[in-house]
Amino acid sequence: MALFKKRTVGRPGEWFYCLEHQKVEEGPECPAKNRFGPYTSRAEAERAMETARERDLQWENDPRWHDPDDTRAED
């Protein structure tokens, strides 16, 4: 008996953004490795790539995730 069942049908109201097909899906139509989500609304899933870019930018500028600047003198 499997510990985890593979869910093949989405729950109503769950939205995903498929990275492979670049489209919004209700329920997980594509494999998890190819999608962002779940989101609570279609509109939220539609802006998944924009949200990812914003979060990447926040992470890149967060000093808690980076070493201090290297202070070596340049030759």
PDB file of N, CA and C in Angstrom:
ATOM      1  N   MET A   1       0.843  -1.179   0.000  1.00  0.00           N
ATOM      2  CA  MET A   1       0.000   0.000   0.000  1.00  0.00           C
ATOM      3  C   MET A   1       0.887   1.240   0.000  1.00  0.00           C
ATOM      4  N   ALA A   2       0.607   2.156  -0.882  1.00  0.00           N
ATOM      5  CA  ALA A   2       1.403   3.383  -1.005  1.00  0.00           C
ATOM      6  C   ALA A   2       1.091   4.338   0.143  1.00  0.00           C
ATOM      7  N   LEU A   3       2.126   5.014   0.613  1.00  0.00           N
ATOM      8  CA  LEU A   3       1.931   6.009   1.665  1.00  0.00           C
ATOM      9  C   LEU A   3       1.292   7.274   1.128  1.00  0.00           C
ATOM     10  N   PHE A   4       1.633   7.622  -0.091  1.00  0.00           N
ATOM     11  CA  PHE A   4       1.104   8.827  -0.710  1.00  0.00           C
ATOM     12  C   PHE A   4       0.412   8.451  -2.003  1.00  0.00           C
ATOM     13  N   LYS A   5      -0.784   8.939  -2.165  1.00  0.00           N
ATOM     14  CA  LYS A   5      -1.500   8.692  -3.409  1.00  0.00           C
ATOM     15  C   LYS A   5      -1.196   9.807  -4.389  1.00  0.00           C
ATOM     16  N   LYS A   6      -0.967   9.440  -5.621  1.00  0.00           N
ATOM     17  CA  LYS A   6      -0.720  10.433  -6.668  1.00  0.00           C
ATOM     18  C   LYS A   6      -2.055  11.050  -7.057  1.00  0.00           C
ATOM     19  N   ARG A   7      -2.135  12.346  -6.895  1.00  0.00           N
ATOM     20  CA  ARG A   7      -3.368  13.045  -7.213  1.00  0.00           C
ATOM     21  C   ARG A   7      -3.361  13.401  -8.688  1.00  0.00           C
ATOM     22  N   THR A   8      -4.329  12.897  -9.411  1.00  0.00           N
ATOM     23  CA  THR A   8      -4.379  13.157 -10.844  1.00  0.00           C
ATOM     24  C   THR A   8      -5.421  14.202 -11.203  1.00  0.00           C
ATOM     25  N   VAL A   9      -6.332  14.497 -10.297  1.00  0.00           N
ATOM     26  CA  VAL A   9      -7.384  15.468 -10.555  1.00  0.00           C
ATOM     27  C   VAL A   9      -7.272  16.589  -9.537  1.00  0.00           C
ATOM     28  N   GLY A  10      -7.372  17.802 -10.003  1.00  0.00           N
ATOM     29  CA  GLY A  10      -7.269  18.945  -9.110  1.00  0.00           C
ATOM     30  C   GLY A  10      -8.535  19.171  -8.305  1.00  0.00           C
ATOM     31  N   ARG A  11      -8.393  19.944  -7.268  1.00  0.00           N
ATOM     32  CA  ARG A  11      -9.540  20.339  -6.474  1.00  0.00           C
ATOM     33  C   ARG A  11     -10.164  21.576  -7.120  1.00  0.00           C
ATOM     34  N   PRO A  12     -11.464  21.701  -7.033  1.00  0.00           N
ATOM     35  CA  PRO A  12     -12.090  22.905  -7.581  1.00  0.00           C
ATOM     36  C   PRO A  12     -11.510  24.152  -6.932  1.00  0.00           C
ATOM     37  N   GLY A  13     -11.215  25.142  -7.742  1.00  0.00           N
ATOM     38  CA  GLY A  13     -10.672  26.391  -7.218  1.00  0.00           C
ATOM     39  C   GLY A  13      -9.164  26.418  -7.103  1.00  0.00           C
ATOM     40  N   GLU A  14      -8.477  25.332  -7.428  1.00  0.00           N
ATOM     41  CA  GLU A  14      -7.007  25.330  -7.435  1.00  0.00           C
ATOM     42  C   GLU A  14      -6.534  25.673  -8.834  1.00  0.00           C
ATOM     43  N   TRP A  15      -5.688  26.667  -8.925  1.00  0.00           N
ATOM     44  CA  TRP A  15      -5.171  27.114 -10.213  1.00  0.00           C
ATOM     45  C   TRP A  15      -3.662  26.957 -10.246  1.00  0.00           C
ATOM     46  N   PHE A  16      -3.137  26.610 -11.406  1.00  0.00           N
ATOM     47  CA  PHE A  16      -1.708  26.411 -11.601  1.00  0.00           C
ATOM     48  C   PHE A  16      -1.274  27.143 -12.864  1.00  0.00           C
ATOM     49  N   TYR A  17       0.036  27.433 -12.933  1.00  0.00           N
ATOM     50  CA  TYR A  17       0.609  27.981 -14.155  1.00  0.00           C
ATOM     51  C   TYR A  17       1.582  26.950 -14.686  1.00  0.00           C
ATOM     52  N   CYS A  18       1.344  26.451 -15.899  1.00  0.00           N
ATOM     53  CA  CYS A  18       2.205  25.448 -16.521  1.00  0.00           C
ATOM     54  C   CYS A  18       3.364  26.153 -17.218  1.00  0.00           C
ATOM     55  N   LEU A  19       4.569  25.827 -16.795  1.00  0.00           N
ATOM     56  CA  LEU A  19       5.770  26.430 -17.371  1.00  0.00           C
ATOM     57  C   LEU A  19       6.048  25.893 -18.778  1.00  0.00           C
ATOM     58  N   GLU A  20       5.707  24.648 -19.017  1.00  0.00           N
ATOM     59  CA  GLU A  20       5.971  24.048 -20.321  1.00  0.00           C
ATOM     60  C   GLU A  20       5.044  24.613 -21.401  1.00  0.00           C
ATOM     61  N   HIS A  21       3.768  24.707 -21.087  1.00  0.00           N
ATOM     62  CA  HIS A  21       2.783  25.174 -22.065  1.00  0.00           C
ATOM     63  C   HIS A  21       2.480  26.666 -21.943  1.00  0.00           C
ATOM     64  N   GLN A  22       3.020  27.288 -20.905  1.00  0.00           N
ATOM     65  CA  GLN A  22       2.823  28.717 -20.638  1.00  0.00           C
ATOM     66  C   GLN A  22       1.344  29.082 -20.633  1.00  0.00           C
ATOM     67  N   LYS A  23       0.596  28.332 -19.807  1.00  0.00           N
ATOM     68  CA  LYS A  23      -0.829  28.589 -19.701  1.00  0.00           C
ATOM     69  C   LYS A  23      -1.319  28.286 -18.301  1.00  0.00           C
ATOM     70  N   VAL A  24      -2.463  28.845 -17.972  1.00  0.00           N
ATOM     71  CA  VAL A  24      -3.101  28.623 -16.683  1.00  0.00           C
ATOM     72  C   VAL A  24      -3.973  27.383 -16.777  1.00  0.00           C
ATOM     73  N   GLU A  25      -3.954  26.563 -15.717  1.00  0.00           N
ATOM     74  CA  GLU A  25      -4.761  25.346 -15.684  1.00  0.00           C
ATOM     75  C   GLU A  25      -5.550  25.317 -14.382  1.00  0.00           C
ATOM     76  N   GLU A  26      -6.761  24.826 -14.452  1.00  0.00           N
ATOM     77  CA  GLU A  26      -7.503  24.575 -13.215  1.00  0.00           C
ATOM     78  C   GLU A  26      -7.244  23.129 -12.850  1.00  0.00           C
ATOM     79  N   GLY A  27      -6.667  22.926 -11.693  1.00  0.00           N
ATOM     80  CA  GLY A  27      -6.257  21.588 -11.301  1.00  0.00           C
ATOM     81  C   GLY A  27      -4.938  21.238 -11.947  1.00  0.00           C
ATOM     82  N   PRO A  28      -4.206  20.297 -11.382  1.00  0.00           N
ATOM     83  CA  PRO A  28      -2.896  19.949 -11.946  1.00  0.00           C
ATOM     84  C   PRO A  28      -3.021  19.063 -13.180  1.00  0.00           C
ATOM     85  N   GLU A  29      -2.932  19.665 -14.337  1.00  0.00           N
ATOM     86  CA  GLU A  29      -2.978  18.903 -15.588  1.00  0.00           C
ATOM     87  C   GLU A  29      -1.597  18.379 -15.958  1.00  0.00           C
ATOM     88  N   CYS A  30      -0.565  19.165 -15.693  1.00  0.00           N
ATOM     89  CA  CYS A  30       0.808  18.798 -16.056  1.00  0.00           C
ATOM     90  C   CYS A  30       1.571  18.352 -14.808  1.00  0.00           C
ATOM     91  N   PRO A  31       2.703  17.668 -14.987  1.00  0.00           N
ATOM     92  CA  PRO A  31       3.494  17.223 -13.837  1.00  0.00           C
ATOM     93  C   PRO A  31       3.952  18.394 -12.964  1.00  0.00           C
ATOM     94  N   ALA A  32       4.140  18.129 -11.685  1.00  0.00           N
ATOM     95  CA  ALA A  32       4.524  19.164 -10.720  1.00  0.00           C
ATOM     96  C   ALA A  32       5.819  19.867 -11.119  1.00  0.00           C
ATOM     97  N   LYS A  33       6.737  19.157 -11.750  1.00  0.00           N
ATOM     98  CA  LYS A  33       8.016  19.771 -12.127  1.00  0.00           C
ATOM     99  C   LYS A  33       7.843  20.872 -13.168  1.00  0.00           C
ATOM    100  N   ASN A  34       6.674  20.913 -13.817  1.00  0.00           N
ATOM    101  CA  ASN A  34       6.433  21.883 -14.889  1.00  0.00           C
ATOM    102  C   ASN A  34       5.435  22.973 -14.508  1.00  0.00           C
ATOM    103  N   ARG A  35       5.152  23.142 -13.217  1.00  0.00           N
ATOM    104  CA  ARG A  35       4.118  24.114 -12.878  1.00  0.00           C
ATOM    105  C   ARG A  35       4.407  24.868 -11.589  1.00  0.00           C
ATOM    106  N   PHE A  36       3.816  26.044 -11.487  1.00  0.00           N
ATOM    107  CA  PHE A  36       3.785  26.836 -10.259  1.00  0.00           C
ATOM    108  C   PHE A  36       2.376  26.720  -9.708  1.00  0.00           C
ATOM    109  N   GLY A  37       2.250  26.728  -8.398  1.00  0.00           N
ATOM    110  CA  GLY A  37       0.935  26.729  -7.777  1.00  0.00           C
ATOM    111  C   GLY A  37       0.870  25.733  -6.646  1.00  0.00           C
ATOM    112  N   PRO A  38      -0.273  25.583  -6.047  1.00  0.00           N
ATOM    113  CA  PRO A  38      -1.567  26.100  -6.463  1.00  0.00           C
ATOM    114  C   PRO A  38      -1.780  27.553  -6.043  1.00  0.00           C
ATOM    115  N   TYR A  39      -2.593  28.224  -6.824  1.00  0.00           N
ATOM    116  CA  TYR A  39      -3.031  29.584  -6.539  1.00  0.00           C
ATOM    117  C   TYR A  39      -4.523  29.547  -6.240  1.00  0.00           C
ATOM    118  N   THR A  40      -5.004  30.556  -5.540  1.00  0.00           N
ATOM    119  CA  THR A  40      -6.409  30.572  -5.143  1.00  0.00           C
ATOM    120  C   THR A  40      -7.332  31.136  -6.214  1.00  0.00           C
ATOM    121  N   SER A  41      -6.769  31.793  -7.222  1.00  0.00           N
ATOM    122  CA  SER A  41      -7.609  32.360  -8.283  1.00  0.00           C
ATOM    123  C   SER A  41      -6.896  32.253  -9.624  1.00  0.00           C
ATOM    124  N   ARG A  42      -7.677  32.328 -10.677  1.00  0.00           N
ATOM    125  CA  ARG A  42      -7.122  32.308 -12.032  1.00  0.00           C
ATOM    126  C   ARG A  42      -6.219  33.524 -12.256  1.00  0.00           C
ATOM    127  N   ALA A  43      -6.650  34.689 -11.761  1.00  0.00           N
ATOM    128  CA  ALA A  43      -5.868  35.917 -11.940  1.00  0.00           C
ATOM    129  C   ALA A  43      -4.501  35.807 -11.269  1.00  0.00           C
ATOM    130  N   GLU A  44      -4.461  35.197 -10.100  1.00  0.00           N
ATOM    131  CA  GLU A  44      -3.195  35.010  -9.391  1.00  0.00           C
ATOM    132  C   GLU A  44      -2.279  34.075 -10.182  1.00  0.00           C
ATOM    133  N   ALA A  45      -2.833  33.025 -10.753  1.00  0.00           N
ATOM    134  CA  ALA A  45      -2.041  32.094 -11.563  1.00  0.00           C
ATOM    135  C   ALA A  45      -1.553  32.751 -12.844  1.00  0.00           C
ATOM    136  N   GLU A  46      -2.368  33.644 -13.417  1.00  0.00           N
ATOM    137  CA  GLU A  46      -1.974  34.331 -14.649  1.00  0.00           C
ATOM    138  C   GLU A  46      -0.753  35.210 -14.453  1.00  0.00           C
ATOM    139  N   ARG A  47      -0.547  35.715 -13.232  1.00  0.00           N
ATOM    140  CA  ARG A  47       0.628  36.559 -13.002  1.00  0.00           C
ATOM    141  C   ARG A  47       1.743  35.794 -12.272  1.00  0.00           C
ATOM    142  N   ALA A  48       1.759  34.472 -12.414  1.00  0.00           N
ATOM    143  CA  ALA A  48       2.751  33.634 -11.743  1.00  0.00           C
ATOM    144  C   ALA A  48       4.187  34.007 -12.123  1.00  0.00           C
ATOM    145  N   MET A  49       4.437  34.265 -13.395  1.00  0.00           N
ATOM    146  CA  MET A  49       5.799  34.597 -13.823  1.00  0.00           C
ATOM    147  C   MET A  49       6.221  35.953 -13.280  1.00  0.00           C
ATOM    148  N   GLU A  50       5.308  36.901 -13.245  1.00  0.00           N
ATOM    149  CA  GLU A  50       5.611  38.221 -12.686  1.00  0.00           C
ATOM    150  C   GLU A  50       5.902  38.108 -11.191  1.00  0.00           C
ATOM    151  N   THR A  51       5.107  37.307 -10.489  1.00  0.00           N
ATOM    152  CA  THR A  51       5.323  37.087  -9.065  1.00  0.00           C
ATOM    153  C   THR A  51       6.694  36.450  -8.830  1.00  0.00           C
ATOM    154  N   ALA A  52       7.061  35.475  -9.666  1.00  0.00           N
ATOM    155  CA  ALA A  52       8.369  34.820  -9.535  1.00  0.00           C
ATOM    156  C   ALA A  52       9.503  35.821  -9.755  1.00  0.00           C
ATOM    157  N   ARG A  53       9.374  36.692 -10.751  1.00  0.00           N
ATOM    158  CA  ARG A  53      10.408  37.711 -11.003  1.00  0.00           C
ATOM    159  C   ARG A  53      10.533  38.658  -9.806  1.00  0.00           C
ATOM    160  N   GLU A  54       9.403  39.071  -9.248  1.00  0.00           N
ATOM    161  CA  GLU A  54       9.427  39.964  -8.085  1.00  0.00           C
ATOM    162  C   GLU A  54      10.117  39.297  -6.900  1.00  0.00           C
ATOM    163  N   ARG A  55       9.799  38.033  -6.663  1.00  0.00           N
ATOM    164  CA  ARG A  55      10.415  37.307  -5.541  1.00  0.00           C
ATOM    165  C   ARG A  55      11.903  37.081  -5.767  1.00  0.00           C
ATOM    166  N   ASP A  56      12.296  36.799  -7.000  1.00  0.00           N
ATOM    167  CA  ASP A  56      13.718  36.654  -7.317  1.00  0.00           C
ATOM    168  C   ASP A  56      14.470  37.950  -7.025  1.00  0.00           C
ATOM    169  N   LEU A  57      13.891  39.073  -7.418  1.00  0.00           N
ATOM    170  CA  LEU A  57      14.509  40.370  -7.186  1.00  0.00           C
ATOM    171  C   LEU A  57      14.626  40.664  -5.686  1.00  0.00           C
ATOM    172  N   GLN A  58      13.585  40.343  -4.939  1.00  0.00           N
ATOM    173  CA  GLN A  58      13.635  40.534  -3.487  1.00  0.00           C
ATOM    174  C   GLN A  58      14.751  39.682  -2.884  1.00  0.00           C
ATOM    175  N   TRP A  59      14.855  38.438  -3.319  1.00  0.00           N
ATOM    176  CA  TRP A  59      15.874  37.548  -2.792  1.00  0.00           C
ATOM    177  C   TRP A  59      17.275  38.054  -3.142  1.00  0.00           C
ATOM    178  N   GLU A  60      17.457  38.495  -4.371  1.00  0.00           N
ATOM    179  CA  GLU A  60      18.767  38.980  -4.806  1.00  0.00           C
ATOM    180  C   GLU A  60      19.218  40.196  -4.005  1.00  0.00           C
ATOM    181  N   ASN A  61      18.270  40.977  -3.500  1.00  0.00           N
ATOM    182  CA  ASN A  61      18.600  42.192  -2.764  1.00  0.00           C
ATOM    183  C   ASN A  61      18.474  42.039  -1.248  1.00  0.00           C
ATOM    184  N   ASP A  62      18.248  40.837  -0.770  1.00  0.00           N
ATOM    185  CA  ASP A  62      18.101  40.595   0.660  1.00  0.00           C
ATOM    186  C   ASP A  62      19.463  40.258   1.263  1.00  0.00           C
ATOM    187  N   PRO A  63      19.993  41.120   2.125  1.00  0.00           N
ATOM    188  CA  PRO A  63      21.322  40.876   2.673  1.00  0.00           C
ATOM    189  C   PRO A  63      21.410  39.628   3.553  1.00  0.00           C
ATOM    190  N   ARG A  64      20.292  39.144   4.039  1.00  0.00           N
ATOM    191  CA  ARG A  64      20.324  37.935   4.878  1.00  0.00           C
ATOM    192  C   ARG A  64      20.728  36.700   4.086  1.00  0.00           C
ATOM    193  N   TRP A  65      20.619  36.736   2.758  1.00  0.00           N
ATOM    194  CA  TRP A  65      20.897  35.571   1.933  1.00  0.00           C
ATOM    195  C   TRP A  65      22.224  35.666   1.190  1.00  0.00           C
ATOM    196  N   HIS A  66      22.995  36.697   1.469  1.00  0.00           N
ATOM    197  CA  HIS A  66      24.241  36.877   0.739  1.00  0.00           C
ATOM    198  C   HIS A  66      25.382  37.185   1.699  1.00  0.00           C
ATOM    199  N   ASP A  67      26.570  36.779   1.306  1.00  0.00           N
ATOM    200  CA  ASP A  67      27.759  37.117   2.078  1.00  0.00           C
ATOM    201  C   ASP A  67      28.041  38.599   1.908  1.00  0.00           C
ATOM    202  N   PRO A  68      28.703  39.186   2.891  1.00  0.00           N
ATOM    203  CA  PRO A  68      29.083  40.602   2.729  1.00  0.00           C
ATOM    204  C   PRO A  68      29.973  40.761   1.499  1.00  0.00           C
ATOM    205  N   ASP A  69      29.970  41.960   0.936  1.00  0.00           N
ATOM    206  CA  ASP A  69      30.810  42.213  -0.237  1.00  0.00           C
ATOM    207  C   ASP A  69      32.256  41.878   0.073  1.00  0.00           C
ATOM    208  N   ASP A  70      32.925  41.352  -0.922  1.00  0.00           N
ATOM    209  CA  ASP A  70      34.331  41.021  -0.797  1.00  0.00           C
ATOM    210  C   ASP A  70      35.118  42.318  -0.752  1.00  0.00           C
ATOM    211  N   THR A  71      35.965  42.485   0.259  1.00  0.00           N
ATOM    212  CA  THR A  71      36.700  43.748   0.427  1.00  0.00           C
ATOM    213  C   THR A  71      38.141  43.642  -0.046  1.00  0.00           C
ATOM    214  N   ARG A  72      38.462  42.656  -0.867  1.00  0.00           N
ATOM    215  CA  ARG A  72      39.839  42.528  -1.379  1.00  0.00           C
ATOM    216  C   ARG A  72      40.165  43.704  -2.273  1.00  0.00           C
ATOM    217  N   ALA A  73      41.403  44.142  -2.175  1.00  0.00           N
ATOM    218  CA  ALA A  73      41.863  45.240  -3.034  1.00  0.00           C
ATOM    219  C   ALA A  73      42.046  44.716  -4.461  1.00  0.00           C
ATOM    220  N   GLU A  74      41.641  45.528  -5.415  1.00  0.00           N
ATOM    221  CA  GLU A  74      41.795  45.112  -6.813  1.00  0.00           C
ATOM    222  C   GLU A  74      43.187  45.474  -7.277  1.00  0.00           C
ATOM    223  N   ASP A  75      43.763  44.610  -8.115  1.00  0.00           N
ATOM    224  CA  ASP A  75      45.120  44.869  -8.641  1.00  0.00           C
ATOM    225  C   ASP A  75      45.107  45.813  -9.773  1.00  0.00           C
TER     226      ASP A  75
END
